[in-house]
Amino acid sequence: MENIQEKVIIITCTSKVIEESTAKLLAKMLEPPLKMAREVEKNSAGTGFVWREISPEELSEYEADNLCIAVETSEDKRIAENWTRTLPAWQQYPAIRQKRVFFLNWMQWIIYAPHMIRLQLHEAGHILSLCSK
């Protein structure tokens, strides 16, 4: 296994379109996998828990319809793309089988300044629009 610091952000998206308010629909689309939801519940909103590093082998424990992988460099992206093609557990992952893998710029997604949040929302909107297709 190639040695890089693995950074995975998981966004789940439902495929069916239902008639709800936009806020309710977005909340449903962004619902974290059960294991991540349990991690989030341990912390008050806005205090300490904003992401979790997992190893490539742990990915199957965070099953989702869509997978966003935050990478720092083009080399990290190449390595992660290779994992999607070569690691058996990743090849069985629903989002990878359905070709619903999105690569995010790590620096854009780790910073919580107003300008960066605007860029994150723009990119998230684009990803969510692809999820609903």
N, C-alpha and C. Protein backbone atom coordinates (compact mmCIF):
# COMPACT_ATOMS: atom_id res chain seq x y z
N MET A 1 0.85 -1.17 0.00
CA MET A 1 0.00 0.00 0.00
C MET A 1 0.89 1.23 0.00
N GLU A 2 0.56 2.18 -0.86
CA GLU A 2 1.33 3.40 -0.93
C GLU A 2 1.07 4.24 0.32
N ASN A 3 2.10 4.90 0.79
CA ASN A 3 2.00 5.59 2.06
C ASN A 3 1.74 7.08 1.87
N ILE A 4 0.48 7.48 2.03
CA ILE A 4 0.13 8.90 2.10
C ILE A 4 -0.84 9.04 3.25
N GLN A 5 -1.01 10.25 3.71
CA GLN A 5 -1.98 10.48 4.77
C GLN A 5 -3.35 10.45 4.13
N GLU A 6 -4.17 9.44 4.47
CA GLU A 6 -5.47 9.27 3.84
C GLU A 6 -6.47 10.27 4.41
N LYS A 7 -7.18 10.94 3.52
CA LYS A 7 -8.20 11.88 3.93
C LYS A 7 -9.45 11.57 3.13
N VAL A 8 -10.49 11.19 3.81
CA VAL A 8 -11.72 10.84 3.12
C VAL A 8 -12.87 11.60 3.76
N ILE A 9 -13.61 12.28 2.94
CA ILE A 9 -14.83 12.94 3.38
C ILE A 9 -15.95 12.20 2.69
N ILE A 10 -16.94 11.77 3.44
CA ILE A 10 -18.02 11.01 2.84
C ILE A 10 -19.29 11.85 2.86
N ILE A 11 -19.90 11.94 1.70
CA ILE A 11 -21.19 12.60 1.57
C ILE A 11 -22.16 11.56 1.02
N THR A 12 -23.24 11.30 1.71
CA THR A 12 -24.23 10.38 1.18
C THR A 12 -25.30 11.16 0.46
N CYS A 13 -25.82 10.60 -0.58
CA CYS A 13 -26.89 11.25 -1.34
C CYS A 13 -27.93 10.21 -1.73
N THR A 14 -29.18 10.54 -1.48
CA THR A 14 -30.23 9.65 -1.92
C THR A 14 -30.47 9.89 -3.40
N SER A 15 -30.85 8.86 -4.11
CA SER A 15 -31.05 8.98 -5.55
C SER A 15 -32.46 9.41 -5.91
N LYS A 16 -33.43 9.08 -5.08
CA LYS A 16 -34.80 9.42 -5.44
C LYS A 16 -35.12 10.87 -5.12
N VAL A 17 -35.93 11.46 -5.95
CA VAL A 17 -36.36 12.84 -5.75
C VAL A 17 -37.72 12.79 -5.07
N ILE A 18 -37.84 13.49 -3.95
CA ILE A 18 -39.10 13.51 -3.21
C ILE A 18 -39.52 14.96 -3.00
N GLU A 19 -40.80 15.17 -2.82
CA GLU A 19 -41.31 16.52 -2.65
C GLU A 19 -41.24 16.91 -1.18
N GLU A 20 -40.21 17.66 -0.84
CA GLU A 20 -40.01 18.21 0.50
C GLU A 20 -39.42 19.60 0.32
N SER A 21 -39.35 20.35 1.39
CA SER A 21 -38.70 21.65 1.27
C SER A 21 -37.23 21.43 0.96
N THR A 22 -36.60 22.41 0.38
CA THR A 22 -35.19 22.29 0.01
C THR A 22 -34.34 21.94 1.22
N ALA A 23 -34.60 22.57 2.35
CA ALA A 23 -33.80 22.31 3.55
C ALA A 23 -33.93 20.86 3.98
N LYS A 24 -35.15 20.32 3.97
CA LYS A 24 -35.34 18.93 4.37
C LYS A 24 -34.68 17.98 3.37
N LEU A 25 -34.79 18.30 2.10
CA LEU A 25 -34.17 17.45 1.08
C LEU A 25 -32.65 17.44 1.22
N LEU A 26 -32.06 18.62 1.41
CA LEU A 26 -30.61 18.68 1.59
C LEU A 26 -30.18 17.93 2.84
N ALA A 27 -30.94 18.06 3.92
CA ALA A 27 -30.60 17.34 5.16
C ALA A 27 -30.61 15.83 4.91
N LYS A 28 -31.59 15.37 4.17
CA LYS A 28 -31.68 13.94 3.87
C LYS A 28 -30.51 13.50 2.98
N MET A 29 -30.16 14.32 1.99
CA MET A 29 -29.08 13.97 1.08
C MET A 29 -27.72 13.97 1.77
N LEU A 30 -27.58 14.79 2.80
CA LEU A 30 -26.30 14.89 3.49
C LEU A 30 -26.24 14.06 4.77
N GLU A 31 -27.18 13.20 4.97
CA GLU A 31 -27.19 12.35 6.16
C GLU A 31 -25.95 11.45 6.16
N PRO A 32 -25.18 11.49 7.24
CA PRO A 32 -23.96 10.68 7.26
C PRO A 32 -24.26 9.20 7.46
N PRO A 33 -23.32 8.35 7.05
CA PRO A 33 -23.47 6.92 7.35
C PRO A 33 -23.59 6.71 8.86
N LEU A 34 -24.21 5.63 9.29
CA LEU A 34 -24.51 5.38 10.70
C LEU A 34 -23.28 5.50 11.58
N LYS A 35 -22.17 4.92 11.19
CA LYS A 35 -20.97 4.97 12.03
C LYS A 35 -20.49 6.41 12.21
N MET A 36 -20.56 7.21 11.16
CA MET A 36 -20.15 8.62 11.27
C MET A 36 -21.16 9.39 12.11
N ALA A 37 -22.45 9.10 11.95
CA ALA A 37 -23.47 9.78 12.73
C ALA A 37 -23.24 9.57 14.23
N ARG A 38 -22.82 8.37 14.60
CA ARG A 38 -22.52 8.09 16.01
C ARG A 38 -21.34 8.92 16.50
N GLU A 39 -20.33 9.11 15.65
CA GLU A 39 -19.18 9.95 16.01
C GLU A 39 -19.63 11.40 16.20
N VAL A 40 -20.48 11.89 15.31
CA VAL A 40 -20.96 13.26 15.38
C VAL A 40 -21.76 13.49 16.65
N GLU A 41 -22.61 12.53 17.02
CA GLU A 41 -23.47 12.67 18.19
C GLU A 41 -22.69 12.81 19.49
N LYS A 42 -21.46 12.35 19.53
CA LYS A 42 -20.63 12.43 20.74
C LYS A 42 -20.18 13.86 21.04
N ASN A 43 -20.32 14.77 20.08
CA ASN A 43 -19.81 16.13 20.22
C ASN A 43 -20.91 17.15 19.98
N SER A 44 -20.86 18.23 20.74
CA SER A 44 -21.79 19.34 20.51
C SER A 44 -21.47 19.98 19.17
N ALA A 45 -22.47 20.52 18.52
CA ALA A 45 -22.28 21.16 17.21
C ALA A 45 -21.20 22.23 17.31
N GLY A 46 -20.29 22.22 16.37
CA GLY A 46 -19.24 23.22 16.30
C GLY A 46 -18.10 23.05 17.29
N THR A 47 -18.03 21.92 17.97
CA THR A 47 -16.98 21.73 18.97
C THR A 47 -16.13 20.51 18.66
N GLY A 48 -15.05 20.72 18.01
CA GLY A 48 -14.03 19.67 17.91
C GLY A 48 -14.16 18.63 16.83
N PHE A 49 -15.33 18.17 16.49
CA PHE A 49 -15.43 17.08 15.53
C PHE A 49 -15.91 17.61 14.19
N VAL A 50 -14.98 17.76 13.25
CA VAL A 50 -15.35 18.26 11.93
C VAL A 50 -14.99 17.29 10.82
N TRP A 51 -14.09 16.36 11.08
CA TRP A 51 -13.74 15.34 10.10
C TRP A 51 -13.06 14.20 10.82
N ARG A 52 -12.97 13.07 10.16
CA ARG A 52 -12.33 11.89 10.75
C ARG A 52 -11.46 11.24 9.69
N GLU A 53 -10.22 11.00 10.05
CA GLU A 53 -9.31 10.29 9.14
C GLU A 53 -9.58 8.79 9.26
N ILE A 54 -9.68 8.11 8.12
CA ILE A 54 -9.84 6.67 8.12
C ILE A 54 -8.84 6.06 7.15
N SER A 55 -8.53 4.82 7.38
CA SER A 55 -7.63 4.11 6.46
C SER A 55 -8.43 3.61 5.27
N PRO A 56 -7.77 3.31 4.17
CA PRO A 56 -8.49 2.77 3.01
C PRO A 56 -9.27 1.50 3.35
N GLU A 57 -8.74 0.70 4.26
CA GLU A 57 -9.41 -0.55 4.64
C GLU A 57 -10.71 -0.31 5.40
N GLU A 58 -10.84 0.84 6.05
CA GLU A 58 -12.04 1.16 6.84
C GLU A 58 -13.21 1.69 6.01
N LEU A 59 -12.96 1.98 4.76
CA LEU A 59 -13.99 2.63 3.94
C LEU A 59 -15.31 1.86 3.95
N SER A 60 -15.26 0.56 3.89
CA SER A 60 -16.50 -0.23 3.83
C SER A 60 -17.37 -0.06 5.08
N GLU A 61 -16.79 0.43 6.18
CA GLU A 61 -17.55 0.68 7.40
C GLU A 61 -18.38 1.96 7.32
N TYR A 62 -18.18 2.74 6.27
CA TYR A 62 -18.85 4.01 6.08
C TYR A 62 -19.61 4.02 4.76
N GLU A 63 -20.43 3.03 4.55
CA GLU A 63 -21.11 2.86 3.27
C GLU A 63 -21.97 4.08 2.92
N ALA A 64 -21.86 4.49 1.67
CA ALA A 64 -22.61 5.65 1.19
C ALA A 64 -22.87 5.49 -0.30
N ASP A 65 -23.87 6.20 -0.78
CA ASP A 65 -24.20 6.18 -2.21
C ASP A 65 -23.18 6.95 -3.04
N ASN A 66 -22.56 7.94 -2.44
CA ASN A 66 -21.60 8.79 -3.13
C ASN A 66 -20.40 9.00 -2.23
N LEU A 67 -19.24 9.10 -2.84
CA LEU A 67 -18.00 9.22 -2.08
C LEU A 67 -17.22 10.43 -2.55
N CYS A 68 -16.87 11.29 -1.61
CA CYS A 68 -16.01 12.44 -1.91
C CYS A 68 -14.69 12.19 -1.20
N ILE A 69 -13.62 12.29 -1.95
CA ILE A 69 -12.29 12.07 -1.39
C ILE A 69 -11.52 13.38 -1.49
N ALA A 70 -11.12 13.92 -0.36
CA ALA A 70 -10.35 15.17 -0.34
C ALA A 70 -8.87 14.82 -0.46
N VAL A 71 -8.21 15.42 -1.44
CA VAL A 71 -6.79 15.16 -1.68
C VAL A 71 -6.01 16.47 -1.71
N GLU A 72 -4.74 16.38 -1.29
CA GLU A 72 -3.90 17.58 -1.28
C GLU A 72 -3.17 17.79 -2.59
N THR A 73 -2.78 16.72 -3.25
CA THR A 73 -1.95 16.84 -4.45
C THR A 73 -2.49 15.96 -5.57
N SER A 74 -2.02 16.19 -6.77
CA SER A 74 -2.41 15.34 -7.89
C SER A 74 -1.89 13.92 -7.69
N GLU A 75 -0.77 13.78 -7.01
CA GLU A 75 -0.24 12.44 -6.71
C GLU A 75 -1.17 11.71 -5.74
N ASP A 76 -1.69 12.41 -4.73
CA ASP A 76 -2.66 11.80 -3.80
C ASP A 76 -3.90 11.35 -4.57
N LYS A 77 -4.36 12.17 -5.51
CA LYS A 77 -5.53 11.80 -6.31
C LYS A 77 -5.23 10.55 -7.13
N ARG A 78 -4.06 10.49 -7.74
CA ARG A 78 -3.68 9.33 -8.53
C ARG A 78 -3.68 8.07 -7.66
N ILE A 79 -3.16 8.18 -6.46
CA ILE A 79 -3.12 7.03 -5.54
C ILE A 79 -4.54 6.60 -5.17
N ALA A 80 -5.39 7.56 -4.83
CA ALA A 80 -6.78 7.23 -4.46
C ALA A 80 -7.53 6.63 -5.63
N GLU A 81 -7.32 7.15 -6.83
CA GLU A 81 -7.95 6.57 -8.02
C GLU A 81 -7.48 5.12 -8.22
N ASN A 82 -6.22 4.88 -7.94
CA ASN A 82 -5.69 3.53 -8.03
C ASN A 82 -6.37 2.60 -7.02
N TRP A 83 -6.63 3.12 -5.80
CA TRP A 83 -7.32 2.31 -4.79
C TRP A 83 -8.70 1.89 -5.31
N THR A 84 -9.40 2.80 -6.01
CA THR A 84 -10.74 2.47 -6.49
C THR A 84 -10.71 1.33 -7.51
N ARG A 85 -9.57 1.15 -8.16
CA ARG A 85 -9.45 0.10 -9.18
C ARG A 85 -8.80 -1.18 -8.65
N THR A 86 -8.05 -1.09 -7.55
CA THR A 86 -7.24 -2.25 -7.15
C THR A 86 -7.58 -2.85 -5.78
N LEU A 87 -8.10 -2.07 -4.86
CA LEU A 87 -8.40 -2.61 -3.54
C LEU A 87 -9.75 -3.33 -3.56
N PRO A 88 -9.78 -4.61 -3.25
CA PRO A 88 -11.05 -5.36 -3.31
C PRO A 88 -12.19 -4.72 -2.52
N ALA A 89 -11.92 -4.25 -1.31
CA ALA A 89 -12.99 -3.64 -0.50
C ALA A 89 -13.54 -2.39 -1.19
N TRP A 90 -12.67 -1.63 -1.83
CA TRP A 90 -13.12 -0.43 -2.52
C TRP A 90 -13.90 -0.78 -3.78
N GLN A 91 -13.52 -1.82 -4.46
CA GLN A 91 -14.23 -2.22 -5.68
C GLN A 91 -15.65 -2.67 -5.36
N GLN A 92 -15.91 -3.10 -4.13
CA GLN A 92 -17.25 -3.52 -3.72
C GLN A 92 -18.07 -2.37 -3.15
N TYR A 93 -17.47 -1.22 -2.94
CA TYR A 93 -18.14 -0.08 -2.34
C TYR A 93 -19.20 0.47 -3.30
N PRO A 94 -20.44 0.66 -2.83
CA PRO A 94 -21.54 1.08 -3.72
C PRO A 94 -21.22 2.31 -4.57
N ALA A 95 -20.69 3.35 -3.97
CA ALA A 95 -20.40 4.57 -4.72
C ALA A 95 -19.38 4.33 -5.82
N ILE A 96 -18.40 3.51 -5.55
CA ILE A 96 -17.37 3.23 -6.55
C ILE A 96 -17.94 2.37 -7.67
N ARG A 97 -18.75 1.37 -7.31
CA ARG A 97 -19.37 0.53 -8.35
C ARG A 97 -20.26 1.36 -9.26
N GLN A 98 -20.92 2.37 -8.69
CA GLN A 98 -21.84 3.21 -9.47
C GLN A 98 -21.13 4.42 -10.09
N LYS A 99 -19.80 4.46 -9.96
CA LYS A 99 -19.00 5.56 -10.50
C LYS A 99 -19.45 6.92 -9.97
N ARG A 100 -19.70 6.96 -8.67
CA ARG A 100 -20.10 8.19 -8.00
C ARG A 100 -19.03 8.58 -6.98
N VAL A 101 -17.83 8.82 -7.51
CA VAL A 101 -16.68 9.22 -6.71
C VAL A 101 -16.27 10.62 -7.15
N PHE A 102 -16.11 11.51 -6.19
CA PHE A 102 -15.76 12.90 -6.47
C PHE A 102 -14.50 13.26 -5.70
N PHE A 103 -13.59 13.93 -6.34
CA PHE A 103 -12.35 14.36 -5.69
C PHE A 103 -12.44 15.83 -5.35
N LEU A 104 -12.11 16.15 -4.10
CA LEU A 104 -12.19 17.51 -3.58
C LEU A 104 -10.78 18.02 -3.28
N ASN A 105 -10.62 19.32 -3.39
CA ASN A 105 -9.37 19.96 -3.02
C ASN A 105 -9.31 20.07 -1.50
N TRP A 106 -8.36 19.38 -0.90
CA TRP A 106 -8.23 19.33 0.57
C TRP A 106 -8.18 20.74 1.17
N MET A 107 -7.36 21.61 0.61
CA MET A 107 -7.21 22.96 1.18
C MET A 107 -8.51 23.75 1.08
N GLN A 108 -9.30 23.52 0.07
CA GLN A 108 -10.57 24.22 -0.06
C GLN A 108 -11.58 23.72 0.96
N TRP A 109 -11.49 22.45 1.35
CA TRP A 109 -12.49 21.86 2.24
C TRP A 109 -12.10 21.86 3.70
N ILE A 110 -10.86 22.14 4.06
CA ILE A 110 -10.45 22.12 5.46
C ILE A 110 -10.57 23.50 6.10
N ILE A 111 -10.59 24.55 5.29
CA ILE A 111 -10.63 25.92 5.81
C ILE A 111 -12.08 26.37 5.95
N TYR A 112 -12.40 26.96 7.10
CA TYR A 112 -13.78 27.38 7.38
C TYR A 112 -13.94 28.90 7.39
N ALA A 113 -13.20 29.59 6.53
CA ALA A 113 -13.36 31.03 6.39
C ALA A 113 -14.55 31.31 5.46
N PRO A 114 -15.20 32.46 5.59
CA PRO A 114 -16.39 32.74 4.79
C PRO A 114 -16.21 32.51 3.28
N HIS A 115 -15.13 33.00 2.70
CA HIS A 115 -14.91 32.81 1.27
C HIS A 115 -14.81 31.33 0.92
N MET A 116 -14.11 30.56 1.73
CA MET A 116 -13.94 29.13 1.46
C MET A 116 -15.26 28.39 1.63
N ILE A 117 -16.05 28.80 2.61
CA ILE A 117 -17.35 28.16 2.80
C ILE A 117 -18.22 28.39 1.57
N ARG A 118 -18.15 29.58 1.00
CA ARG A 118 -18.91 29.86 -0.23
C ARG A 118 -18.46 28.92 -1.35
N LEU A 119 -17.14 28.72 -1.49
CA LEU A 119 -16.64 27.80 -2.51
C LEU A 119 -17.07 26.36 -2.22
N GLN A 120 -17.05 25.98 -0.95
CA GLN A 120 -17.48 24.63 -0.56
C GLN A 120 -18.95 24.42 -0.91
N LEU A 121 -19.78 25.41 -0.60
CA LEU A 121 -21.21 25.30 -0.91
C LEU A 121 -21.45 25.20 -2.41
N HIS A 122 -20.71 25.97 -3.18
CA HIS A 122 -20.83 25.90 -4.63
C HIS A 122 -20.47 24.49 -5.12
N GLU A 123 -19.36 23.97 -4.66
CA GLU A 123 -18.95 22.63 -5.09
C GLU A 123 -19.92 21.56 -4.58
N ALA A 124 -20.37 21.70 -3.34
CA ALA A 124 -21.33 20.74 -2.79
C ALA A 124 -22.63 20.75 -3.60
N GLY A 125 -23.08 21.94 -4.00
CA GLY A 125 -24.28 22.03 -4.82
C GLY A 125 -24.12 21.30 -6.14
N HIS A 126 -22.95 21.47 -6.74
CA HIS A 126 -22.67 20.77 -7.99
C HIS A 126 -22.68 19.25 -7.78
N ILE A 127 -22.03 18.78 -6.72
CA ILE A 127 -22.01 17.35 -6.42
C ILE A 127 -23.41 16.83 -6.16
N LEU A 128 -24.19 17.56 -5.37
CA LEU A 128 -25.55 17.12 -5.07
C LEU A 128 -26.42 17.08 -6.31
N SER A 129 -26.19 18.00 -7.24
CA SER A 129 -26.97 17.96 -8.49
C SER A 129 -26.63 16.71 -9.27
N LEU A 130 -25.37 16.27 -9.23
CA LEU A 130 -24.99 15.03 -9.90
C LEU A 130 -25.57 13.81 -9.19
N CYS A 131 -25.70 13.90 -7.85
CA CYS A 131 -26.24 12.79 -7.06
C CYS A 131 -27.70 12.51 -7.39
N SER A 132 -28.44 13.55 -7.74
CA SER A 132 -29.88 13.37 -7.96
C SER A 132 -30.20 12.86 -9.35
N LYS A 133 -29.19 12.66 -10.19
CA LYS A 133 -29.42 12.16 -11.56
C LYS A 133 -29.55 10.66 -11.59
